[in-house]
Amino acid sequence: MPRYHKKQWRCFLGLFLGLVLLLGVNYSGLVLAHGDEEHQAATKVFMGMDQPVTKVVSEFHRAIQTGNEASVKRILAKNVLIYEGGNVERSLLEYASHHMQADMAYLKGLTVIMIEQQIQVYGNTAISTSVTKSSGLYKGKSIDSQGMETLVLNKETGGEWQIVHIHWSN
């Protein structure tokens, strides 16, 4: 059996996680095959909440909902990749100049309740998945929706966690 170095294993883990995310995106249309089928929760709905990275995830959510642009920009990596509504933004600069202000304005008038959240840490990479319920008014329109979010974070050289990928869907 061949022996692998730590660096090779980290590379393999990164490629594996990337492939899992990519396949999840490519097969997301399969949800149509399930119709209105009900699913029972088989796992704990809140998991990993004692991880240090959880503070960064919570700070990001608070910052984007309260319009704290400086905190959002500090937490997002410069090369963040954001998938939302069938669109892709490929950097913090692109997000900040396009959808960030609109996302903040939208969330500011809503009450967002975390229904489910799991955070898993794999060395210097963490994945946060969550389901939220949002309600309130936006531009005079009543909002009552459920959303899902996946955040991928990397621990940088200085020990700070940054979000490198976001996938939002309703």
N, C-alpha and C. Protein backbone atom coordinates (compact mmCIF):
# COMPACT_ATOMS: atom_id res chain seq x y z
N MET A 1 0.85 -1.17 0.00
CA MET A 1 0.00 0.00 0.00
C MET A 1 0.90 1.24 0.00
N PRO A 2 0.67 2.19 -0.91
CA PRO A 2 1.51 3.38 -0.97
C PRO A 2 1.33 4.26 0.27
N ARG A 3 2.41 4.98 0.62
CA ARG A 3 2.36 5.91 1.75
C ARG A 3 2.21 7.31 1.19
N TYR A 4 1.36 8.09 1.83
CA TYR A 4 1.11 9.46 1.39
C TYR A 4 1.59 10.44 2.46
N HIS A 5 2.06 11.56 2.02
CA HIS A 5 2.48 12.62 2.92
C HIS A 5 1.27 13.45 3.33
N LYS A 6 1.41 14.20 4.45
CA LYS A 6 0.32 15.04 4.92
C LYS A 6 -0.17 15.98 3.84
N LYS A 7 0.76 16.56 3.09
CA LYS A 7 0.38 17.52 2.06
C LYS A 7 -0.47 16.84 0.98
N GLN A 8 -0.13 15.59 0.62
CA GLN A 8 -0.92 14.88 -0.37
C GLN A 8 -2.32 14.59 0.15
N TRP A 9 -2.42 14.23 1.45
CA TRP A 9 -3.74 13.96 2.03
C TRP A 9 -4.58 15.21 2.07
N ARG A 10 -3.97 16.36 2.42
CA ARG A 10 -4.72 17.62 2.44
C ARG A 10 -5.21 17.96 1.05
N CYS A 11 -4.37 17.75 0.07
CA CYS A 11 -4.76 18.02 -1.32
C CYS A 11 -5.92 17.10 -1.71
N PHE A 12 -5.79 15.83 -1.36
CA PHE A 12 -6.86 14.87 -1.65
C PHE A 12 -8.16 15.28 -0.97
N LEU A 13 -8.09 15.67 0.32
CA LEU A 13 -9.29 16.08 1.05
C LEU A 13 -9.92 17.29 0.39
N GLY A 14 -9.10 18.27 0.00
CA GLY A 14 -9.62 19.47 -0.66
C GLY A 14 -10.31 19.12 -1.97
N LEU A 15 -9.68 18.25 -2.78
CA LEU A 15 -10.28 17.83 -4.05
C LEU A 15 -11.57 17.05 -3.81
N PHE A 16 -11.56 16.19 -2.79
CA PHE A 16 -12.74 15.41 -2.48
C PHE A 16 -13.90 16.31 -2.08
N LEU A 17 -13.66 17.27 -1.16
CA LEU A 17 -14.72 18.19 -0.74
C LEU A 17 -15.22 19.02 -1.92
N GLY A 18 -14.30 19.48 -2.77
CA GLY A 18 -14.69 20.24 -3.96
C GLY A 18 -15.57 19.41 -4.88
N LEU A 19 -15.21 18.15 -5.07
CA LEU A 19 -15.99 17.25 -5.92
C LEU A 19 -17.38 17.02 -5.33
N VAL A 20 -17.45 16.83 -4.01
CA VAL A 20 -18.75 16.65 -3.36
C VAL A 20 -19.63 17.87 -3.59
N LEU A 21 -19.06 19.07 -3.41
CA LEU A 21 -19.85 20.29 -3.63
C LEU A 21 -20.26 20.42 -5.09
N LEU A 22 -19.35 20.12 -6.00
CA LEU A 22 -19.64 20.22 -7.43
C LEU A 22 -20.74 19.25 -7.82
N LEU A 23 -20.65 18.00 -7.36
CA LEU A 23 -21.68 17.03 -7.70
C LEU A 23 -23.02 17.42 -7.10
N GLY A 24 -23.00 17.98 -5.89
CA GLY A 24 -24.24 18.44 -5.28
C GLY A 24 -24.89 19.51 -6.12
N VAL A 25 -24.10 20.41 -6.69
CA VAL A 25 -24.64 21.48 -7.53
C VAL A 25 -25.18 20.89 -8.82
N ASN A 26 -24.44 19.97 -9.44
CA ASN A 26 -24.86 19.41 -10.72
C ASN A 26 -26.11 18.54 -10.60
N TYR A 27 -26.32 17.89 -9.45
CA TYR A 27 -27.47 17.02 -9.31
C TYR A 27 -28.63 17.69 -8.59
N SER A 28 -28.53 19.01 -8.36
CA SER A 28 -29.58 19.70 -7.62
C SER A 28 -30.92 19.65 -8.35
N GLY A 29 -30.95 19.46 -9.66
CA GLY A 29 -32.19 19.36 -10.40
C GLY A 29 -32.96 18.09 -10.07
N LEU A 30 -32.30 17.12 -9.44
CA LEU A 30 -32.98 15.87 -9.07
C LEU A 30 -34.06 16.10 -8.03
N VAL A 31 -34.01 17.23 -7.34
CA VAL A 31 -35.03 17.52 -6.35
C VAL A 31 -36.42 17.52 -6.99
N LEU A 32 -36.51 17.82 -8.26
CA LEU A 32 -37.79 17.83 -8.96
C LEU A 32 -38.43 16.45 -9.00
N ALA A 33 -37.62 15.41 -8.94
CA ALA A 33 -38.14 14.05 -8.99
C ALA A 33 -38.87 13.66 -7.71
N HIS A 34 -38.64 14.43 -6.63
CA HIS A 34 -39.24 14.09 -5.34
C HIS A 34 -40.57 14.77 -5.10
N GLY A 35 -40.93 15.75 -5.88
CA GLY A 35 -42.21 16.44 -5.71
C GLY A 35 -42.37 17.02 -4.33
N ASP A 36 -43.52 16.80 -3.72
CA ASP A 36 -43.81 17.34 -2.39
C ASP A 36 -43.55 16.30 -1.29
N GLU A 37 -42.70 15.34 -1.57
CA GLU A 37 -42.39 14.28 -0.63
C GLU A 37 -41.89 14.85 0.70
N GLU A 38 -42.40 14.34 1.81
CA GLU A 38 -41.99 14.77 3.15
C GLU A 38 -40.79 13.93 3.58
N HIS A 39 -39.84 14.58 4.28
CA HIS A 39 -38.66 13.89 4.81
C HIS A 39 -38.60 14.08 6.32
N GLN A 40 -38.30 13.02 7.02
CA GLN A 40 -38.12 13.10 8.46
C GLN A 40 -36.64 13.38 8.76
N ALA A 41 -36.38 14.25 9.73
CA ALA A 41 -35.01 14.57 10.12
C ALA A 41 -34.40 13.35 10.80
N ALA A 42 -33.29 12.84 10.23
CA ALA A 42 -32.65 11.65 10.77
C ALA A 42 -31.45 12.02 11.64
N THR A 43 -31.01 13.27 11.61
CA THR A 43 -29.87 13.69 12.40
C THR A 43 -30.25 14.84 13.30
N LYS A 44 -29.34 15.19 14.18
CA LYS A 44 -29.56 16.34 15.04
C LYS A 44 -29.65 17.58 14.16
N VAL A 45 -30.56 18.48 14.48
CA VAL A 45 -30.72 19.66 13.65
C VAL A 45 -29.70 20.75 13.99
N PHE A 46 -29.14 20.73 15.21
CA PHE A 46 -28.06 21.65 15.55
C PHE A 46 -26.87 20.81 15.98
N MET A 47 -25.77 20.93 15.24
CA MET A 47 -24.61 20.10 15.48
C MET A 47 -23.34 20.93 15.28
N GLY A 48 -22.37 20.74 16.12
CA GLY A 48 -21.08 21.43 15.98
C GLY A 48 -21.10 22.87 16.44
N MET A 49 -22.10 23.23 17.24
CA MET A 49 -22.26 24.61 17.64
C MET A 49 -21.20 25.06 18.65
N ASP A 50 -20.41 24.12 19.17
CA ASP A 50 -19.35 24.45 20.12
C ASP A 50 -18.01 24.70 19.44
N GLN A 51 -17.96 24.62 18.12
CA GLN A 51 -16.73 24.84 17.37
C GLN A 51 -16.38 26.34 17.34
N PRO A 52 -15.09 26.71 17.44
CA PRO A 52 -14.71 28.12 17.36
C PRO A 52 -15.16 28.81 16.06
N VAL A 53 -15.23 28.07 14.96
CA VAL A 53 -15.64 28.65 13.67
C VAL A 53 -17.10 29.11 13.72
N THR A 54 -17.90 28.57 14.64
CA THR A 54 -19.30 28.94 14.76
C THR A 54 -19.46 30.43 15.04
N LYS A 55 -18.53 31.01 15.79
CA LYS A 55 -18.59 32.44 16.09
C LYS A 55 -18.47 33.27 14.81
N VAL A 56 -17.62 32.82 13.89
CA VAL A 56 -17.43 33.54 12.62
C VAL A 56 -18.69 33.43 11.77
N VAL A 57 -19.28 32.25 11.72
CA VAL A 57 -20.52 32.05 10.95
C VAL A 57 -21.63 32.93 11.52
N SER A 58 -21.76 32.95 12.84
CA SER A 58 -22.79 33.79 13.49
C SER A 58 -22.52 35.27 13.24
N GLU A 59 -21.26 35.67 13.31
CA GLU A 59 -20.91 37.07 13.06
C GLU A 59 -21.25 37.46 11.62
N PHE A 60 -21.00 36.57 10.67
CA PHE A 60 -21.34 36.84 9.28
C PHE A 60 -22.85 37.05 9.13
N HIS A 61 -23.63 36.15 9.71
CA HIS A 61 -25.09 36.27 9.62
C HIS A 61 -25.57 37.59 10.23
N ARG A 62 -25.05 37.92 11.40
CA ARG A 62 -25.43 39.16 12.06
C ARG A 62 -25.03 40.37 11.22
N ALA A 63 -23.81 40.35 10.67
CA ALA A 63 -23.30 41.48 9.88
C ALA A 63 -24.11 41.71 8.62
N ILE A 64 -24.45 40.65 7.91
CA ILE A 64 -25.18 40.83 6.65
C ILE A 64 -26.62 41.27 6.93
N GLN A 65 -27.19 40.82 8.06
CA GLN A 65 -28.57 41.23 8.37
C GLN A 65 -28.64 42.66 8.91
N THR A 66 -27.60 43.11 9.59
CA THR A 66 -27.62 44.46 10.15
C THR A 66 -26.96 45.49 9.23
N GLY A 67 -26.42 45.04 8.10
CA GLY A 67 -25.81 45.97 7.15
C GLY A 67 -24.40 46.39 7.54
N ASN A 68 -23.69 45.56 8.30
CA ASN A 68 -22.32 45.86 8.71
C ASN A 68 -21.35 45.44 7.61
N GLU A 69 -21.20 46.32 6.63
CA GLU A 69 -20.39 46.03 5.44
C GLU A 69 -18.93 45.70 5.79
N ALA A 70 -18.35 46.41 6.75
CA ALA A 70 -16.95 46.17 7.12
C ALA A 70 -16.74 44.75 7.64
N SER A 71 -17.66 44.27 8.47
CA SER A 71 -17.53 42.90 8.99
C SER A 71 -17.73 41.86 7.90
N VAL A 72 -18.70 42.09 7.02
CA VAL A 72 -18.92 41.16 5.91
C VAL A 72 -17.65 41.06 5.07
N LYS A 73 -17.05 42.19 4.74
CA LYS A 73 -15.85 42.20 3.90
C LYS A 73 -14.65 41.55 4.61
N ARG A 74 -14.59 41.65 5.93
CA ARG A 74 -13.49 41.03 6.68
C ARG A 74 -13.64 39.51 6.71
N ILE A 75 -14.88 39.05 6.79
CA ILE A 75 -15.13 37.61 6.93
C ILE A 75 -15.06 36.89 5.58
N LEU A 76 -15.44 37.55 4.50
CA LEU A 76 -15.38 36.92 3.18
C LEU A 76 -13.96 36.98 2.62
N ALA A 77 -13.50 35.87 2.06
CA ALA A 77 -12.19 35.85 1.40
C ALA A 77 -12.26 36.68 0.12
N LYS A 78 -11.14 37.22 -0.29
CA LYS A 78 -11.09 38.04 -1.51
C LYS A 78 -11.55 37.24 -2.73
N ASN A 79 -11.28 35.93 -2.73
CA ASN A 79 -11.65 35.08 -3.87
C ASN A 79 -12.92 34.26 -3.59
N VAL A 80 -13.79 34.77 -2.71
CA VAL A 80 -15.02 34.05 -2.38
C VAL A 80 -15.84 33.75 -3.64
N LEU A 81 -16.46 32.61 -3.66
CA LEU A 81 -17.30 32.17 -4.76
C LEU A 81 -18.72 32.06 -4.21
N ILE A 82 -19.65 32.85 -4.77
CA ILE A 82 -21.01 32.91 -4.23
C ILE A 82 -22.00 32.46 -5.30
N TYR A 83 -22.77 31.41 -4.97
CA TYR A 83 -23.83 30.91 -5.84
C TYR A 83 -25.15 31.34 -5.22
N GLU A 84 -25.97 32.03 -6.00
CA GLU A 84 -27.27 32.48 -5.51
C GLU A 84 -28.21 32.69 -6.69
N GLY A 85 -29.37 32.09 -6.61
CA GLY A 85 -30.39 32.31 -7.62
C GLY A 85 -29.95 32.01 -9.05
N GLY A 86 -29.13 30.99 -9.23
CA GLY A 86 -28.65 30.63 -10.56
C GLY A 86 -27.53 31.50 -11.07
N ASN A 87 -27.03 32.42 -10.25
CA ASN A 87 -25.93 33.30 -10.63
C ASN A 87 -24.68 32.99 -9.82
N VAL A 88 -23.54 33.45 -10.34
CA VAL A 88 -22.26 33.25 -9.66
C VAL A 88 -21.55 34.59 -9.55
N GLU A 89 -21.03 34.85 -8.35
CA GLU A 89 -20.14 35.99 -8.17
C GLU A 89 -18.81 35.40 -7.72
N ARG A 90 -17.73 35.81 -8.38
CA ARG A 90 -16.45 35.13 -8.24
C ARG A 90 -15.42 35.84 -7.39
N SER A 91 -15.82 36.86 -6.65
CA SER A 91 -14.87 37.53 -5.76
C SER A 91 -15.63 38.44 -4.79
N LEU A 92 -14.95 38.84 -3.75
CA LEU A 92 -15.52 39.80 -2.81
C LEU A 92 -15.80 41.12 -3.52
N LEU A 93 -14.89 41.53 -4.37
CA LEU A 93 -15.06 42.79 -5.10
C LEU A 93 -16.33 42.74 -5.96
N GLU A 94 -16.53 41.62 -6.67
CA GLU A 94 -17.72 41.48 -7.51
C GLU A 94 -18.99 41.47 -6.66
N TYR A 95 -18.98 40.74 -5.56
CA TYR A 95 -20.16 40.70 -4.68
C TYR A 95 -20.44 42.08 -4.09
N ALA A 96 -19.40 42.75 -3.60
CA ALA A 96 -19.58 44.07 -2.97
C ALA A 96 -20.11 45.09 -3.96
N SER A 97 -19.75 44.95 -5.23
CA SER A 97 -20.19 45.93 -6.22
C SER A 97 -21.52 45.56 -6.89
N HIS A 98 -22.04 44.37 -6.61
CA HIS A 98 -23.30 43.95 -7.22
C HIS A 98 -24.40 43.69 -6.21
N HIS A 99 -24.36 42.56 -5.51
CA HIS A 99 -25.51 42.10 -4.74
C HIS A 99 -25.44 42.32 -3.23
N MET A 100 -24.28 42.67 -2.69
CA MET A 100 -24.17 42.77 -1.24
C MET A 100 -25.15 43.77 -0.65
N GLN A 101 -25.23 44.96 -1.20
CA GLN A 101 -26.14 45.98 -0.66
C GLN A 101 -27.60 45.53 -0.77
N ALA A 102 -27.95 44.90 -1.86
CA ALA A 102 -29.33 44.41 -2.04
C ALA A 102 -29.64 43.30 -1.04
N ASP A 103 -28.68 42.39 -0.80
CA ASP A 103 -28.88 41.33 0.18
C ASP A 103 -29.08 41.91 1.57
N MET A 104 -28.27 42.92 1.91
CA MET A 104 -28.38 43.56 3.22
C MET A 104 -29.73 44.27 3.37
N ALA A 105 -30.15 44.98 2.35
CA ALA A 105 -31.44 45.70 2.39
C ALA A 105 -32.59 44.71 2.54
N TYR A 106 -32.53 43.61 1.84
CA TYR A 106 -33.57 42.59 1.90
C TYR A 106 -33.66 42.00 3.31
N LEU A 107 -32.51 41.62 3.87
CA LEU A 107 -32.51 40.95 5.17
C LEU A 107 -32.82 41.89 6.33
N LYS A 108 -32.52 43.16 6.16
CA LYS A 108 -32.69 44.13 7.25
C LYS A 108 -34.13 44.17 7.77
N GLY A 109 -35.11 44.06 6.90
CA GLY A 109 -36.51 44.14 7.31
C GLY A 109 -37.14 42.81 7.66
N LEU A 110 -36.35 41.75 7.66
CA LEU A 110 -36.91 40.42 7.92
C LEU A 110 -36.51 39.88 9.28
N THR A 111 -37.34 38.99 9.79
CA THR A 111 -36.98 38.19 10.95
C THR A 111 -36.51 36.85 10.41
N VAL A 112 -35.28 36.49 10.74
CA VAL A 112 -34.70 35.23 10.24
C VAL A 112 -34.50 34.30 11.43
N ILE A 113 -35.12 33.13 11.35
CA ILE A 113 -35.02 32.13 12.42
C ILE A 113 -34.24 30.93 11.89
N MET A 114 -33.21 30.55 12.63
CA MET A 114 -32.40 29.38 12.27
C MET A 114 -33.17 28.13 12.71
N ILE A 115 -33.55 27.32 11.73
CA ILE A 115 -34.31 26.09 12.00
C ILE A 115 -33.36 24.92 12.22
N GLU A 116 -32.26 24.95 11.50
CA GLU A 116 -31.32 23.82 11.52
C GLU A 116 -29.95 24.35 11.15
N GLN A 117 -28.90 23.84 11.82
CA GLN A 117 -27.54 24.22 11.45
C GLN A 117 -26.58 23.12 11.90
N GLN A 118 -25.73 22.72 10.97
CA GLN A 118 -24.67 21.77 11.27
C GLN A 118 -23.35 22.39 10.83
N ILE A 119 -22.36 22.31 11.71
CA ILE A 119 -21.02 22.80 11.38
C ILE A 119 -20.05 21.66 11.61
N GLN A 120 -19.29 21.36 10.56
CA GLN A 120 -18.29 20.29 10.63
C GLN A 120 -16.95 20.87 10.26
N VAL A 121 -15.92 20.50 11.02
CA VAL A 121 -14.57 21.00 10.79
C VAL A 121 -13.69 19.83 10.35
N TYR A 122 -12.96 20.05 9.26
CA TYR A 122 -12.02 19.07 8.71
C TYR A 122 -10.65 19.74 8.63
N GLY A 123 -9.92 19.78 9.73
CA GLY A 123 -8.62 20.45 9.74
C GLY A 123 -8.79 21.95 9.59
N ASN A 124 -8.28 22.50 8.51
CA ASN A 124 -8.36 23.94 8.25
C ASN A 124 -9.55 24.31 7.36
N THR A 125 -10.47 23.38 7.17
CA THR A 125 -11.67 23.64 6.38
C THR A 125 -12.90 23.33 7.24
N ALA A 126 -13.91 24.18 7.14
CA ALA A 126 -15.16 23.95 7.87
C ALA A 126 -16.32 24.14 6.90
N ILE A 127 -17.37 23.36 7.13
CA ILE A 127 -18.58 23.47 6.32
C ILE A 127 -19.76 23.71 7.26
N SER A 128 -20.49 24.78 6.99
CA SER A 128 -21.69 25.10 7.75
C SER A 128 -22.88 24.97 6.80
N THR A 129 -23.85 24.16 7.20
CA THR A 129 -25.08 24.04 6.42
C THR A 129 -26.23 24.45 7.33
N SER A 130 -27.18 25.19 6.77
CA SER A 130 -28.28 25.63 7.61
C SER A 130 -29.57 25.79 6.80
N VAL A 131 -30.66 25.74 7.55
CA VAL A 131 -32.00 25.99 7.02
C VAL A 131 -32.59 27.11 7.87
N THR A 132 -33.14 28.13 7.21
CA THR A 132 -33.71 29.26 7.92
C THR A 132 -35.15 29.52 7.46
N LYS A 133 -35.88 30.21 8.31
CA LYS A 133 -37.23 30.66 7.99
C LYS A 133 -37.19 32.18 8.08
N SER A 134 -37.56 32.85 6.98
CA SER A 134 -37.54 34.32 6.93
C SER A 134 -38.96 34.84 6.74
N SER A 135 -39.28 35.88 7.51
CA SER A 135 -40.59 36.49 7.36
C SER A 135 -40.49 37.99 7.63
N GLY A 136 -41.42 38.72 7.04
CA GLY A 136 -41.45 40.17 7.22
C GLY A 136 -41.88 40.85 5.94
N LEU A 137 -41.52 42.12 5.82
CA LEU A 137 -41.88 42.91 4.64
C LEU A 137 -40.62 43.37 3.93
N TYR A 138 -40.67 43.34 2.61
CA TYR A 138 -39.60 43.89 1.78
C TYR A 138 -40.26 44.64 0.63
N LYS A 139 -39.99 45.94 0.56
CA LYS A 139 -40.58 46.81 -0.46
C LYS A 139 -42.11 46.64 -0.52
N GLY A 140 -42.73 46.57 0.67
CA GLY A 140 -44.17 46.46 0.76
C GLY A 140 -44.73 45.08 0.48
N LYS A 141 -43.87 44.14 0.18
CA LYS A 141 -44.31 42.78 -0.13
C LYS A 141 -44.07 41.87 1.07
N SER A 142 -45.07 41.06 1.40
CA SER A 142 -44.96 40.11 2.50
C SER A 142 -44.03 38.96 2.11
N ILE A 143 -43.07 38.67 2.97
CA ILE A 143 -42.11 37.58 2.73
C ILE A 143 -42.35 36.50 3.78
N ASP A 144 -42.43 35.27 3.32
CA ASP A 144 -42.54 34.09 4.18
C ASP A 144 -41.87 32.95 3.42
N SER A 145 -40.59 32.75 3.68
CA SER A 145 -39.85 31.77 2.87
C SER A 145 -38.88 30.97 3.73
N GLN A 146 -38.52 29.83 3.19
CA GLN A 146 -37.50 28.98 3.81
C GLN A 146 -36.28 29.03 2.91
N GLY A 147 -35.10 29.15 3.50
CA GLY A 147 -33.88 29.20 2.73
C GLY A 147 -32.87 28.19 3.23
N MET A 148 -31.95 27.84 2.35
CA MET A 148 -30.86 26.94 2.71
C MET A 148 -29.55 27.60 2.36
N GLU A 149 -28.55 27.33 3.18
CA GLU A 149 -27.25 27.95 2.99
C GLU A 149 -26.15 26.93 3.26
N THR A 150 -25.14 26.97 2.41
CA THR A 150 -23.90 26.23 2.65
C THR A 150 -22.78 27.23 2.63
N LEU A 151 -21.97 27.23 3.69
CA LEU A 151 -20.78 28.05 3.77
C LEU A 151 -19.57 27.13 3.88
N VAL A 152 -18.53 27.42 3.12
CA VAL A 152 -17.27 26.71 3.25
C VAL A 152 -16.26 27.75 3.73
N LEU A 153 -15.58 27.43 4.82
CA LEU A 153 -14.60 28.35 5.41
C LEU A 153 -13.23 27.70 5.45
N ASN A 154 -12.21 28.52 5.30
CA ASN A 154 -10.83 28.07 5.44
C ASN A 154 -10.17 28.84 6.57
N LYS A 155 -9.34 28.15 7.35
CA LYS A 155 -8.56 28.83 8.38
C LYS A 155 -7.29 29.34 7.72
N GLU A 156 -7.13 30.65 7.76
CA GLU A 156 -5.98 31.29 7.12
C GLU A 156 -4.72 31.14 7.98
N THR A 157 -3.57 31.52 7.44
CA THR A 157 -2.29 31.37 8.11
C THR A 157 -2.29 31.98 9.50
N GLY A 158 -2.91 33.13 9.68
CA GLY A 158 -2.97 33.79 10.98
C GLY A 158 -3.95 33.17 11.95
N GLY A 159 -4.67 32.12 11.54
CA GLY A 159 -5.62 31.45 12.41
C GLY A 159 -7.05 31.95 12.29
N GLU A 160 -7.29 32.97 11.45
CA GLU A 160 -8.63 33.51 11.26
C GLU A 160 -9.38 32.68 10.22
N TRP A 161 -10.67 32.45 10.49
CA TRP A 161 -11.52 31.75 9.54
C TRP A 161 -12.10 32.75 8.55
N GLN A 162 -12.12 32.38 7.27
CA GLN A 162 -12.75 33.20 6.23
C GLN A 162 -13.64 32.32 5.37
N ILE A 163 -14.75 32.92 4.92
CA ILE A 163 -15.67 32.20 4.04
C ILE A 163 -15.13 32.25 2.62
N VAL A 164 -14.96 31.08 2.01
CA VAL A 164 -14.43 30.99 0.64
C VAL A 164 -15.51 30.60 -0.36
N HIS A 165 -16.65 30.09 0.15
CA HIS A 165 -17.74 29.71 -0.76
C HIS A 165 -19.06 29.82 -0.03
N ILE A 166 -20.06 30.36 -0.73
CA ILE A 166 -21.43 30.45 -0.23
C ILE A 166 -22.36 29.91 -1.31
N HIS A 167 -23.34 29.12 -0.88
CA HIS A 167 -24.41 28.70 -1.79
C HIS A 167 -25.72 28.95 -1.06
N TRP A 168 -26.51 29.89 -1.58
CA TRP A 168 -27.81 30.24 -1.01
C TRP A 168 -28.90 29.76 -1.95
N SER A 169 -29.96 29.20 -1.39
CA SER A 169 -31.12 28.83 -2.20
C SER A 169 -32.39 28.94 -1.38
N ASN A 170 -33.50 29.18 -2.06
CA ASN A 170 -34.82 29.24 -1.42
C ASN A 170 -35.66 28.11 -1.95
